[in-house]
Structure formats: structure tokens, C-alpha cells
C-alpha atoms as a PDB file:
ATOM      1  CA  UNK A   1      95.291 126.443 198.950  1.00  0.00           C
ATOM      2  CA  UNK A   2      94.289 129.634 197.192  1.00  0.00           C
ATOM      3  CA  UNK A   3      90.791 129.149 195.780  1.00  0.00           C
ATOM      4  CA  UNK A   4      90.005 132.823 195.242  1.00  0.00           C
ATOM      5  CA  UNK A   5      89.040 132.757 191.579  1.00  0.00           C
ATOM      6  CA  UNK A   6      86.003 131.507 189.713  1.00  0.00           C
ATOM      7  CA  UNK A   7      84.815 128.481 187.798  1.00  0.00           C
ATOM      8  CA  UNK A   8      85.131 127.713 184.095  1.00  0.00           C
ATOM      9  CA  UNK A   9      84.313 124.978 181.601  1.00  0.00           C
ATOM     10  CA  UNK A  10      86.521 122.030 180.724  1.00  0.00           C
ATOM     11  CA  UNK A  11      88.861 122.376 177.796  1.00  0.00           C
ATOM     12  CA  UNK A  12      92.100 121.206 176.262  1.00  0.00           C
ATOM     13  CA  UNK A  13      94.395 123.336 174.110  1.00  0.00           C
ATOM     14  CA  UNK A  14      97.211 122.158 171.885  1.00  0.00           C
ATOM     15  CA  UNK A  15      96.292 118.482 171.495  1.00  0.00           C
ATOM     16  CA  UNK A  16      94.655 117.122 168.305  1.00  0.00           C
ATOM     17  CA  UNK A  17      91.666 114.774 168.574  1.00  0.00           C
ATOM     18  CA  UNK A  18      93.702 111.819 167.302  1.00  0.00           C
ATOM     19  CA  UNK A  19      96.320 112.367 169.996  1.00  0.00           C
ATOM     20  CA  UNK A  20      93.617 112.608 172.661  1.00  0.00           C
ATOM     21  CA  UNK A  21      92.233 109.245 171.580  1.00  0.00           C
ATOM     22  CA  UNK A  22      95.691 107.709 171.574  1.00  0.00           C
ATOM     23  CA  UNK A  23      96.248 108.904 175.149  1.00  0.00           C
ATOM     24  CA  UNK A  24      92.977 107.464 176.451  1.00  0.00           C
ATOM     25  CA  UNK A  25      94.644 104.380 178.006  1.00  0.00           C
ATOM     26  CA  UNK A  26      96.302 105.002 181.375  1.00  0.00           C
ATOM     27  CA  UNK A  27     100.115 104.826 181.269  1.00  0.00           C
ATOM     28  CA  UNK A  28     101.499 101.613 182.767  1.00  0.00           C
ATOM     29  CA  UNK A  29     103.693 103.566 185.209  1.00  0.00           C
ATOM     30  CA  UNK A  30     100.498 104.764 186.876  1.00  0.00           C
ATOM     31  CA  UNK A  31      98.837 101.370 187.167  1.00  0.00           C
ATOM     32  CA  UNK A  32     101.569  98.730 187.507  1.00  0.00           C
ATOM     33  CA  UNK A  33     104.823  98.198 189.383  1.00  0.00           C
ATOM     34  CA  UNK A  34     107.879  97.548 187.199  1.00  0.00           C
ATOM     35  CA  UNK A  35     109.936  94.370 187.603  1.00  0.00           C
ATOM     36  CA  UNK A  36     112.341  94.691 190.567  1.00  0.00           C
ATOM     37  CA  UNK A  37     115.952  95.535 189.816  1.00  0.00           C
ATOM     38  CA  UNK A  38     118.110  93.765 192.405  1.00  0.00           C
ATOM     39  CA  UNK A  39     121.317  95.444 191.263  1.00  0.00           C
ATOM     40  CA  UNK A  40     119.934  98.988 191.179  1.00  0.00           C
ATOM     41  CA  UNK A  41     116.685  98.993 193.175  1.00  0.00           C
ATOM     42  CA  UNK A  42     114.345 101.921 193.620  1.00  0.00           C
ATOM     43  CA  UNK A  43     114.845 103.725 196.910  1.00  0.00           C
ATOM     44  CA  UNK A  44     114.010 106.665 199.128  1.00  0.00           C
ATOM     45  CA  UNK A  45     116.345 108.931 201.079  1.00  0.00           C
ATOM     46  CA  UNK A  46     115.452 111.605 203.638  1.00  0.00           C
ATOM     47  CA  UNK A  47     117.818 114.508 204.329  1.00  0.00           C
ATOM     48  CA  UNK A  48     118.052 118.232 204.991  1.00  0.00           C
ATOM     49  CA  UNK A  49     119.042 120.836 202.392  1.00  0.00           C
ATOM     50  CA  UNK A  50     120.595 123.979 203.942  1.00  0.00           C
ATOM     51  CA  UNK A  51     118.823 127.154 202.828  1.00  0.00           C
ATOM     52  CA  UNK A  52     119.524 130.677 204.033  1.00  0.00           C
ATOM     53  CA  UNK A  53     119.045 130.925 207.781  1.00  0.00           C
ATOM     54  CA  UNK A  54     117.225 127.601 207.873  1.00  0.00           C
ATOM     55  CA  UNK A  55     116.897 124.358 205.942  1.00  0.00           C
ATOM     56  CA  UNK A  56     114.453 122.255 203.960  1.00  0.00           C
ATOM     57  CA  UNK A  57     113.388 118.791 205.046  1.00  0.00           C
ATOM     58  CA  UNK A  58     113.519 116.794 201.822  1.00  0.00           C
ATOM     59  CA  UNK A  59     112.988 113.342 200.358  1.00  0.00           C
ATOM     60  CA  UNK A  60     114.534 111.897 197.210  1.00  0.00           C
ATOM     61  CA  UNK A  61     112.691 109.062 195.508  1.00  0.00           C
ATOM     62  CA  UNK A  62     115.304 107.279 193.396  1.00  0.00           C
ATOM     63  CA  UNK A  63     114.371 105.318 190.292  1.00  0.00           C
ATOM     64  CA  UNK A  64     115.463 101.747 189.694  1.00  0.00           C
ATOM     65  CA  UNK A  65     118.008 100.915 187.032  1.00  0.00           C
ATOM     66  CA  UNK A  66     121.637 101.582 186.221  1.00  0.00           C
ATOM     67  CA  UNK A  67     122.868 104.768 184.632  1.00  0.00           C
ATOM     68  CA  UNK A  68     121.752 108.353 185.001  1.00  0.00           C
ATOM     69  CA  UNK A  69     118.120 109.234 185.551  1.00  0.00           C
ATOM     70  CA  UNK A  70     116.129 112.358 184.688  1.00  0.00           C
ATOM     71  CA  UNK A  71     114.936 114.107 187.831  1.00  0.00           C
ATOM     72  CA  UNK A  72     111.750 115.912 188.816  1.00  0.00           C
ATOM     73  CA  UNK A  73     111.632 118.652 191.448  1.00  0.00           C
ATOM     74  CA  UNK A  74     108.072 118.554 192.837  1.00  0.00           C
ATOM     75  CA  UNK A  75     106.880 121.579 194.851  1.00  0.00           C
ATOM     76  CA  UNK A  76     103.800 121.614 197.059  1.00  0.00           C
ATOM     77  CA  UNK A  77     101.404 124.484 197.630  1.00  0.00           C
ATOM     78  CA  UNK A  78     100.371 126.684 200.540  1.00  0.00           C
ATOM     79  CA  UNK A  79     100.615 125.388 203.178  1.00  0.00           C
ATOM     80  CA  UNK A  80     101.177 121.939 201.641  1.00  0.00           C
ATOM     81  CA  UNK A  81      98.370 119.736 202.937  1.00  0.00           C
ATOM     82  CA  UNK A  82      98.351 117.981 199.539  1.00  0.00           C
ATOM     83  CA  UNK A  83     101.915 116.860 198.853  1.00  0.00           C
ATOM     84  CA  UNK A  84     101.169 114.926 195.639  1.00  0.00           C
ATOM     85  CA  UNK A  85     103.358 112.015 196.628  1.00  0.00           C
ATOM     86  CA  UNK A  86     101.241 109.710 194.478  1.00  0.00           C
ATOM     87  CA  UNK A  87     102.595 111.696 191.539  1.00  0.00           C
ATOM     88  CA  UNK A  88     106.144 111.239 192.827  1.00  0.00           C
ATOM     89  CA  UNK A  89     105.642 107.473 192.977  1.00  0.00           C
ATOM     90  CA  UNK A  90     104.243 107.348 189.427  1.00  0.00           C
ATOM     91  CA  UNK A  91     107.143 109.412 188.104  1.00  0.00           C
ATOM     92  CA  UNK A  92     109.622 107.109 189.832  1.00  0.00           C
ATOM     93  CA  UNK A  93     107.976 104.043 188.279  1.00  0.00           C
ATOM     94  CA  UNK A  94     108.434 105.805 184.938  1.00  0.00           C
ATOM     95  CA  UNK A  95     112.196 106.019 185.524  1.00  0.00           C
ATOM     96  CA  UNK A  96     112.498 109.449 187.134  1.00  0.00           C
ATOM     97  CA  UNK A  97     114.109 110.473 190.384  1.00  0.00           C
ATOM     98  CA  UNK A  98     111.843 112.849 192.316  1.00  0.00           C
ATOM     99  CA  UNK A  99     112.908 115.428 194.902  1.00  0.00           C
ATOM    100  CA  UNK A 100     110.181 116.709 197.225  1.00  0.00           C
ATOM    101  CA  UNK A 101     110.656 119.157 200.068  1.00  0.00           C
ATOM    102  CA  UNK A 102     109.091 121.424 202.659  1.00  0.00           C
ATOM    103  CA  UNK A 103     110.034 125.086 202.282  1.00  0.00           C
ATOM    104  CA  UNK A 104     111.837 126.823 205.131  1.00  0.00           C
ATOM    105  CA  UNK A 105     109.492 127.392 208.026  1.00  0.00           C
ATOM    106  CA  UNK A 106     106.890 124.878 206.815  1.00  0.00           C
ATOM    107  CA  UNK A 107     105.995 121.532 208.350  1.00  0.00           C
ATOM    108  CA  UNK A 108     108.970 121.483 210.713  1.00  0.00           C
ATOM    109  CA  UNK A 109     111.649 122.709 208.306  1.00  0.00           C
ATOM    110  CA  UNK A 110     113.916 125.138 210.213  1.00  0.00           C
ATOM    111  CA  UNK A 111     113.594 128.825 209.408  1.00  0.00           C
ATOM    112  CA  UNK A 112     110.861 131.335 208.644  1.00  0.00           C
ATOM    113  CA  UNK A 113     108.225 130.845 205.986  1.00  0.00           C
ATOM    114  CA  UNK A 114     107.604 133.571 203.415  1.00  0.00           C
ATOM    115  CA  UNK A 115     106.824 133.694 199.719  1.00  0.00           C
ATOM    116  CA  UNK A 116     110.273 135.176 199.125  1.00  0.00           C
ATOM    117  CA  UNK A 117     111.915 132.324 200.990  1.00  0.00           C
ATOM    118  CA  UNK A 118     109.845 129.729 199.120  1.00  0.00           C
ATOM    119  CA  UNK A 119     111.030 131.184 195.805  1.00  0.00           C
ATOM    120  CA  UNK A 120     114.622 131.114 197.026  1.00  0.00           C
ATOM    121  CA  UNK A 121     114.158 127.548 198.250  1.00  0.00           C
ATOM    122  CA  UNK A 122     113.092 126.349 194.800  1.00  0.00           C
ATOM    123  CA  UNK A 123     116.326 127.753 193.354  1.00  0.00           C
ATOM    124  CA  UNK A 124     118.373 126.260 196.187  1.00  0.00           C
ATOM    125  CA  UNK A 125     116.834 122.854 195.472  1.00  0.00           C
ATOM    126  CA  UNK A 126     117.758 123.164 191.789  1.00  0.00           C
ATOM    127  CA  UNK A 127     121.335 123.995 192.733  1.00  0.00           C
ATOM    128  CA  UNK A 128     121.368 121.012 195.098  1.00  0.00           C
ATOM    129  CA  UNK A 129     120.391 118.639 192.291  1.00  0.00           C
ATOM    130  CA  UNK A 130     123.435 119.733 190.299  1.00  0.00           C
ATOM    131  CA  UNK A 131     126.053 119.374 193.016  1.00  0.00           C
ATOM    132  CA  UNK A 132     128.598 116.760 191.877  1.00  0.00           C
ATOM    133  CA  UNK A 133     128.248 114.652 195.012  1.00  0.00           C
ATOM    134  CA  UNK A 134     124.452 114.674 194.765  1.00  0.00           C
ATOM    135  CA  UNK A 135     124.566 113.820 191.066  1.00  0.00           C
ATOM    136  CA  UNK A 136     126.837 110.851 191.766  1.00  0.00           C
ATOM    137  CA  UNK A 137     124.923 109.561 194.784  1.00  0.00           C
ATOM    138  CA  UNK A 138     121.481 109.615 193.152  1.00  0.00           C
ATOM    139  CA  UNK A 139     122.578 108.983 189.555  1.00  0.00           C
ATOM    140  CA  UNK A 140     121.038 112.257 188.312  1.00  0.00           C
ATOM    141  CA  UNK A 141     121.102 113.302 184.677  1.00  0.00           C
ATOM    142  CA  UNK A 142     121.747 116.989 185.342  1.00  0.00           C
ATOM    143  CA  UNK A 143     120.759 117.773 181.752  1.00  0.00           C
ATOM    144  CA  UNK A 144     117.238 116.406 182.278  1.00  0.00           C
ATOM    145  CA  UNK A 145     115.712 118.250 185.213  1.00  0.00           C
ATOM    146  CA  UNK A 146     112.028 119.209 185.167  1.00  0.00           C
ATOM    147  CA  UNK A 147     109.989 121.228 187.669  1.00  0.00           C
ATOM    148  CA  UNK A 148     106.392 120.598 188.711  1.00  0.00           C
ATOM    149  CA  UNK A 149     104.292 122.494 191.212  1.00  0.00           C
ATOM    150  CA  UNK A 150     100.800 122.610 192.644  1.00  0.00           C
ATOM    151  CA  UNK A 151      98.992 125.847 193.544  1.00  0.00           C
ATOM    152  CA  UNK A 152     101.590 128.144 195.178  1.00  0.00           C
ATOM    153  CA  UNK A 153     104.211 125.580 194.230  1.00  0.00           C
ATOM    154  CA  UNK A 154     103.198 126.132 190.612  1.00  0.00           C
ATOM    155  CA  UNK A 155     104.255 129.746 190.834  1.00  0.00           C
ATOM    156  CA  UNK A 156     107.492 128.826 192.621  1.00  0.00           C
ATOM    157  CA  UNK A 157     108.297 126.223 189.966  1.00  0.00           C
ATOM    158  CA  UNK A 158     107.589 128.656 187.123  1.00  0.00           C
ATOM    159  CA  UNK A 159     109.582 131.407 188.794  1.00  0.00           C
ATOM    160  CA  UNK A 160     112.638 129.190 189.206  1.00  0.00           C
ATOM    161  CA  UNK A 161     112.384 127.681 185.718  1.00  0.00           C
ATOM    162  CA  UNK A 162     112.048 131.076 184.047  1.00  0.00           C
ATOM    163  CA  UNK A 163     115.420 132.142 185.439  1.00  0.00           C
ATOM    164  CA  UNK A 164     117.185 128.825 184.861  1.00  0.00           C
ATOM    165  CA  UNK A 165     117.622 128.044 181.183  1.00  0.00           C
ATOM    166  CA  UNK A 166     118.854 124.529 181.948  1.00  0.00           C
ATOM    167  CA  UNK A 167     115.442 123.416 183.264  1.00  0.00           C
ATOM    168  CA  UNK A 168     114.006 121.153 180.566  1.00  0.00           C
ATOM    169  CA  UNK A 169     110.295 121.575 181.243  1.00  0.00           C
ATOM    170  CA  UNK A 170     107.535 122.726 183.558  1.00  0.00           C
ATOM    171  CA  UNK A 171     104.312 121.005 184.694  1.00  0.00           C
ATOM    172  CA  UNK A 172     101.825 123.158 186.604  1.00  0.00           C
ATOM    173  CA  UNK A 173      98.879 121.820 188.618  1.00  0.00           C
ATOM    174  CA  UNK A 174      96.113 124.404 189.147  1.00  0.00           C
ATOM    175  CA  UNK A 175      98.736 127.102 189.666  1.00  0.00           C
ATOM    176  CA  UNK A 176      98.269 130.220 191.783  1.00  0.00           C
ATOM    177  CA  UNK A 177      99.039 133.667 190.383  1.00  0.00           C
ATOM    178  CA  UNK A 178     100.141 135.854 193.331  1.00  0.00           C
ATOM    179  CA  UNK A 179      99.836 139.035 191.244  1.00  0.00           C
ATOM    180  CA  UNK A 180      96.152 138.324 190.686  1.00  0.00           C
ATOM    181  CA  UNK A 181      95.584 137.899 194.406  1.00  0.00           C
ATOM    182  CA  UNK A 182      97.511 141.101 195.098  1.00  0.00           C
ATOM    183  CA  UNK A 183      95.210 142.962 192.700  1.00  0.00           C
ATOM    184  CA  UNK A 184      92.134 141.528 194.455  1.00  0.00           C
ATOM    185  CA  UNK A 185      93.213 143.148 197.730  1.00  0.00           C
ATOM    186  CA  UNK A 186      91.976 146.492 196.412  1.00  0.00           C
ATOM    187  CA  UNK A 187      88.399 145.355 197.129  1.00  0.00           C
ATOM    188  CA  UNK A 188      86.832 144.508 200.482  1.00  0.00           C
ATOM    189  CA  UNK A 189      85.560 141.200 199.090  1.00  0.00           C
ATOM    190  CA  UNK A 190      88.987 140.220 197.790  1.00  0.00           C
ATOM    191  CA  UNK A 191      90.689 141.175 201.034  1.00  0.00           C
ATOM    192  CA  UNK A 192      88.167 139.179 203.084  1.00  0.00           C
ATOM    193  CA  UNK A 193      88.613 136.105 200.893  1.00  0.00           C
ATOM    194  CA  UNK A 194      92.396 136.339 201.165  1.00  0.00           C
ATOM    195  CA  UNK A 195      92.269 136.754 204.934  1.00  0.00           C
ATOM    196  CA  UNK A 196      90.007 133.727 205.327  1.00  0.00           C
ATOM    197  CA  UNK A 197      92.338 131.663 203.144  1.00  0.00           C
ATOM    198  CA  UNK A 198      95.549 132.652 204.900  1.00  0.00           C
ATOM    199  CA  UNK A 199      94.393 132.491 208.513  1.00  0.00           C
ATOM    200  CA  UNK A 200      93.139 128.958 208.008  1.00  0.00           C
ATOM    201  CA  UNK A 201      96.490 127.762 206.667  1.00  0.00           C
ATOM    202  CA  UNK A 202      99.020 129.294 209.063  1.00  0.00           C
ATOM    203  CA  UNK A 203      99.261 126.434 211.582  1.00  0.00           C
ATOM    204  CA  UNK A 204     102.124 124.494 209.868  1.00  0.00           C
ATOM    205  CA  UNK A 205     104.047 127.680 208.961  1.00  0.00           C
ATOM    206  CA  UNK A 206     106.633 129.217 211.294  1.00  0.00           C
ATOM    207  CA  UNK A 207     107.066 132.981 211.440  1.00  0.00           C
ATOM    208  CA  UNK A 208     104.393 133.811 208.856  1.00  0.00           C
ATOM    209  CA  UNK A 209     101.321 135.906 209.637  1.00  0.00           C
ATOM    210  CA  UNK A 210      98.483 137.351 207.627  1.00  0.00           C
ATOM    211  CA  UNK A 211     100.187 140.743 207.772  1.00  0.00           C
ATOM    212  CA  UNK A 212     103.652 139.544 206.681  1.00  0.00           C
ATOM    213  CA  UNK A 213     102.303 137.537 203.754  1.00  0.00           C
ATOM    214  CA  UNK A 214      99.949 140.302 202.646  1.00  0.00           C
ATOM    215  CA  UNK A 215     102.716 142.899 202.751  1.00  0.00           C
ATOM    216  CA  UNK A 216     104.872 140.616 200.592  1.00  0.00           C
ATOM    217  CA  UNK A 217     102.135 140.408 197.973  1.00  0.00           C
ATOM    218  CA  UNK A 218     101.622 144.152 197.915  1.00  0.00           C
ATOM    219  CA  UNK A 219     105.331 144.980 197.817  1.00  0.00           C
ATOM    220  CA  UNK A 220     106.282 142.518 195.072  1.00  0.00           C
ATOM    221  CA  UNK A 221     103.129 142.216 192.964  1.00  0.00           C
ATOM    222  CA  UNK A 222     104.868 143.082 189.694  1.00  0.00           C
ATOM    223  CA  UNK A 223     107.490 140.363 190.281  1.00  0.00           C
ATOM    224  CA  UNK A 224     104.844 137.806 191.187  1.00  0.00           C
ATOM    225  CA  UNK A 225     102.996 137.689 187.866  1.00  0.00           C
ATOM    226  CA  UNK A 226     102.747 134.034 186.845  1.00  0.00           C
ATOM    227  CA  UNK A 227     101.795 134.836 183.253  1.00  0.00           C
ATOM    228  CA  UNK A 228     104.934 136.886 182.742  1.00  0.00           C
ATOM    229  CA  UNK A 229     107.089 134.188 184.293  1.00  0.00           C
ATOM    230  CA  UNK A 230     105.650 131.710 181.806  1.00  0.00           C
ATOM    231  CA  UNK A 231     106.433 134.063 178.920  1.00  0.00           C
ATOM    232  CA  UNK A 232     110.029 134.079 180.173  1.00  0.00           C
ATOM    233  CA  UNK A 233     110.041 130.272 179.967  1.00  0.00           C
ATOM    234  CA  UNK A 234     110.179 130.658 176.186  1.00  0.00           C
ATOM    235  CA  UNK A 235     109.923 127.561 174.012  1.00  0.00           C
ATOM    236  CA  UNK A 236     110.546 124.957 176.702  1.00  0.00           C
ATOM    237  CA  UNK A 237     108.001 122.199 177.356  1.00  0.00           C
ATOM    238  CA  UNK A 238     105.025 123.384 179.387  1.00  0.00           C
ATOM    239  CA  UNK A 239     101.751 121.789 180.444  1.00  0.00           C
ATOM    240  CA  UNK A 240      99.205 123.477 182.712  1.00  0.00           C
ATOM    241  CA  UNK A 241      96.331 121.523 184.224  1.00  0.00           C
ATOM    242  CA  UNK A 242      93.648 123.601 185.904  1.00  0.00           C
ATOM    243  CA  UNK A 243      90.640 122.653 188.027  1.00  0.00           C
ATOM    244  CA  UNK A 244      87.172 124.033 187.316  1.00  0.00           C
ATOM    245  CA  UNK A 245      86.317 124.139 191.021  1.00  0.00           C
ATOM    246  CA  UNK A 246      89.689 125.631 191.854  1.00  0.00           C
ATOM    247  CA  UNK A 247      91.868 128.033 189.883  1.00  0.00           C
ATOM    248  CA  UNK A 248      90.735 127.053 186.393  1.00  0.00           C
ATOM    249  CA  UNK A 249      90.066 130.653 185.401  1.00  0.00           C
ATOM    250  CA  UNK A 250      93.607 131.584 186.432  1.00  0.00           C
ATOM    251  CA  UNK A 251      95.003 128.640 184.473  1.00  0.00           C
ATOM    252  CA  UNK A 252      93.318 129.915 181.304  1.00  0.00           C
ATOM    253  CA  UNK A 253      94.662 133.425 181.763  1.00  0.00           C
ATOM    254  CA  UNK A 254      98.266 132.437 182.357  1.00  0.00           C
ATOM    255  CA  UNK A 255      98.137 129.782 179.620  1.00  0.00           C
ATOM    256  CA  UNK A 256      97.195 132.509 177.144  1.00  0.00           C
ATOM    257  CA  UNK A 257     100.301 134.433 178.208  1.00  0.00           C
ATOM    258  CA  UNK A 258     102.440 131.315 177.846  1.00  0.00           C
ATOM    259  CA  UNK A 259     101.071 130.516 174.399  1.00  0.00           C
ATOM    260  CA  UNK A 260     101.966 133.991 173.185  1.00  0.00           C
ATOM    261  CA  UNK A 261     105.596 132.915 173.582  1.00  0.00           C
ATOM    262  CA  UNK A 262     105.195 129.173 173.025  1.00  0.00           C
ATOM    263  CA  UNK A 263     102.190 128.048 170.945  1.00  0.00           C
ATOM    264  CA  UNK A 264     103.020 124.394 171.645  1.00  0.00           C
ATOM    265  CA  UNK A 265     102.397 124.761 175.375  1.00  0.00           C
ATOM    266  CA  UNK A 266      99.371 122.803 176.579  1.00  0.00           C
ATOM    267  CA  UNK A 267      96.406 123.677 178.795  1.00  0.00           C
ATOM    268  CA  UNK A 268      93.818 121.308 180.240  1.00  0.00           C
ATOM    269  CA  UNK A 269      91.043 122.365 182.627  1.00  0.00           C
ATOM    270  CA  UNK A 270      89.267 119.470 184.296  1.00  0.00           C
ATOM    271  CA  UNK A 271      85.925 119.264 186.179  1.00  0.00           C
ATOM    272  CA  UNK A 272      87.468 118.707 189.611  1.00  0.00           C
ATOM    273  CA  UNK A 273      88.529 120.549 192.762  1.00  0.00           C
ATOM    274  CA  UNK A 274      91.802 122.254 193.580  1.00  0.00           C
ATOM    275  CA  UNK A 275      93.240 119.068 195.062  1.00  0.00           C
ATOM    276  CA  UNK A 276      92.160 116.920 192.078  1.00  0.00           C
ATOM    277  CA  UNK A 277      90.414 114.691 194.609  1.00  0.00           C
ATOM    278  CA  UNK A 278      88.606 112.633 191.966  1.00  0.00           C
ATOM    279  CA  UNK A 279      91.250 112.905 189.235  1.00  0.00           C
ATOM    280  CA  UNK A 280      94.384 111.538 190.848  1.00  0.00           C
ATOM    281  CA  UNK A 281      94.909 108.714 188.351  1.00  0.00           C
ATOM    282  CA  UNK A 282      94.318 111.066 185.425  1.00  0.00           C
ATOM    283  CA  UNK A 283      96.696 113.617 186.943  1.00  0.00           C
ATOM    284  CA  UNK A 284      99.451 111.039 187.409  1.00  0.00           C
ATOM    285  CA  UNK A 285      98.912 109.851 183.850  1.00  0.00           C
ATOM    286  CA  UNK A 286      99.190 113.395 182.500  1.00  0.00           C
ATOM    287  CA  UNK A 287     102.417 113.976 184.431  1.00  0.00           C
ATOM    288  CA  UNK A 288     104.049 110.730 183.302  1.00  0.00           C
ATOM    289  CA  UNK A 289     103.165 111.434 179.658  1.00  0.00           C
ATOM    290  CA  UNK A 290     104.508 114.964 179.949  1.00  0.00           C
ATOM    291  CA  UNK A 291     107.787 113.703 181.412  1.00  0.00           C
ATOM    292  CA  UNK A 292     108.152 111.163 178.628  1.00  0.00           C
ATOM    293  CA  UNK A 293     108.031 114.012 176.141  1.00  0.00           C
ATOM    294  CA  UNK A 294     110.798 116.092 177.693  1.00  0.00           C
ATOM    295  CA  UNK A 295     113.396 113.563 178.841  1.00  0.00           C
ATOM    296  CA  UNK A 296     116.270 112.362 176.648  1.00  0.00           C
ATOM    297  CA  UNK A 297     116.882 108.605 176.519  1.00  0.00           C
ATOM    298  CA  UNK A 298     118.542 107.257 179.654  1.00  0.00           C
ATOM    299  CA  UNK A 299     122.220 106.568 179.152  1.00  0.00           C
END
């Protein structure tokens, strides 16, 4: 899950004290089921999205209610042991469709896993959400699509959003900066830490090895700079939540880059681990509140 960088203290940037107090109560979408809608019930569909030489196994959580719904593309990390489906359920209760997927070559999805393929897969998923037939079937508001990603998925979400001006917002959960890891490979300590991380996570990934993934990092380090991708996001809505016992130091660094282009972007670093094991309710609450700030009214 990429835990190569150090610890830091808890902080929040971009939120006044009064607003923090106002947000102290947990959002109802996190704690309570909405009334059932018998005409347009919530649902779940499993399918395969073609991608390159393979495909992505995917699930769409569809929100209840008539009309078009804003939609969240939720990307998991490396290799994806934590899929954050509790966040998908909270977002759906808040009125959002949520698309989750396994990248090519991961967890049984056909194809070969690589960082390059994962980046391509995020873009393919965005294109999928805008296909007319998909829009009609899942009642998607194609003008209200947001990306969220955890760890490696945070980079993939930022990378896709930076190049797609129609993405409305970006929510990053303890994101990984591949360029920072690539730089660490110049030291024996950094290389050993990377090797230990990768070799322990290869089991659910087809076609990927320590050597192939390391060569990708070295060859494309300049393109894999999360901070620069966030600068390219411009003025669009952005929240980054880091973990002190995970990649909190990285979150601070890339948030500083983001705020150079968008001072209204928000950073929170919480006293938890990379998987937010003891902050799941708080994390769902933060996501739902973020989504409420970037979606237009349902129509």
C-alpha cells in the first residue's frame, strides 16, 4: 500500500474554526439508511469494461430516486486489499452513483497489471461513464462526475482528472506520489523499502514483477509527479486526507503544490494508519460532505 514516507502531526488547512464546529455532527448519509424508493430503488450491477488487451471487472452502485444522478469513480490502491466499499455505500446513500473497478491484471481482471495500464484504465472508466447507453441505463449526470482514489488510486485519479477538464472534483485518500518513490530508489534504504513493499503485494496482480514496476517508475518519474498533476487540476474542487501513520508527509507536500494553483483546496492529516482503520466513519463523512459541495442539484 506504499507506506514509504514518514510521520507528521495532525492538521487541517482551508477550513475556518466555525466551519469545523458546524461539521462536527456525522452526516446522515453515513449513519442512516434513506427511505426506500419503490419506483426507483437503489441497486448494484456487475459488469466488465473492455480496456486495451484486457478488461476491468467493475461494479456500479446506483442511487435511488428518479432523474439523473452525480457519479463518483472510486479507485483503489496497490494492490487493492482495501477497496473502500463502505465509502461507496455512503456516497450512494447521499444520492450518488459509484463506479468501482479492478484495474487490468488485478484481482482477476483480464490483462496485465502495470502503472501505465492503471492510468489508462482510469481514463477508460471515465469514458465509459459518458457513453450514451451507460448514461441512460444508470441515470448518470455526465456533467457531475467526481474522482476519488486511495493510495496508488489517488495518483491515478489525479492523473486522469488533470487531463479531463470535465471532471468536477477530486478527493484523495492518503495518496501515493510515484515520483517520490522513484527518487528514493537512488538510496539502498529506499530501494530495500520499495522491494519489500512490492514483493508482498504481487499475489493478486497478473504479469507484474518487482523489475517491471521498478523500471516503470524509473522511466516515467517526471510524468508521475502527483504534485504537478494537482497543479494541473487548477481551480476545481480538491480535498486531500492524509494519514499520520501512512503517507501524511506526502499529503502535505502535494497539498502545498495544489494550493499554489488553488488556495481553496483542502488538506487534512489524521492520526491514523494508511487504511484509516479507526477513522472509517470520519472518512465517509468527509467524502459525503465533499461531494455535497461539488454536485449541482439533481434534476
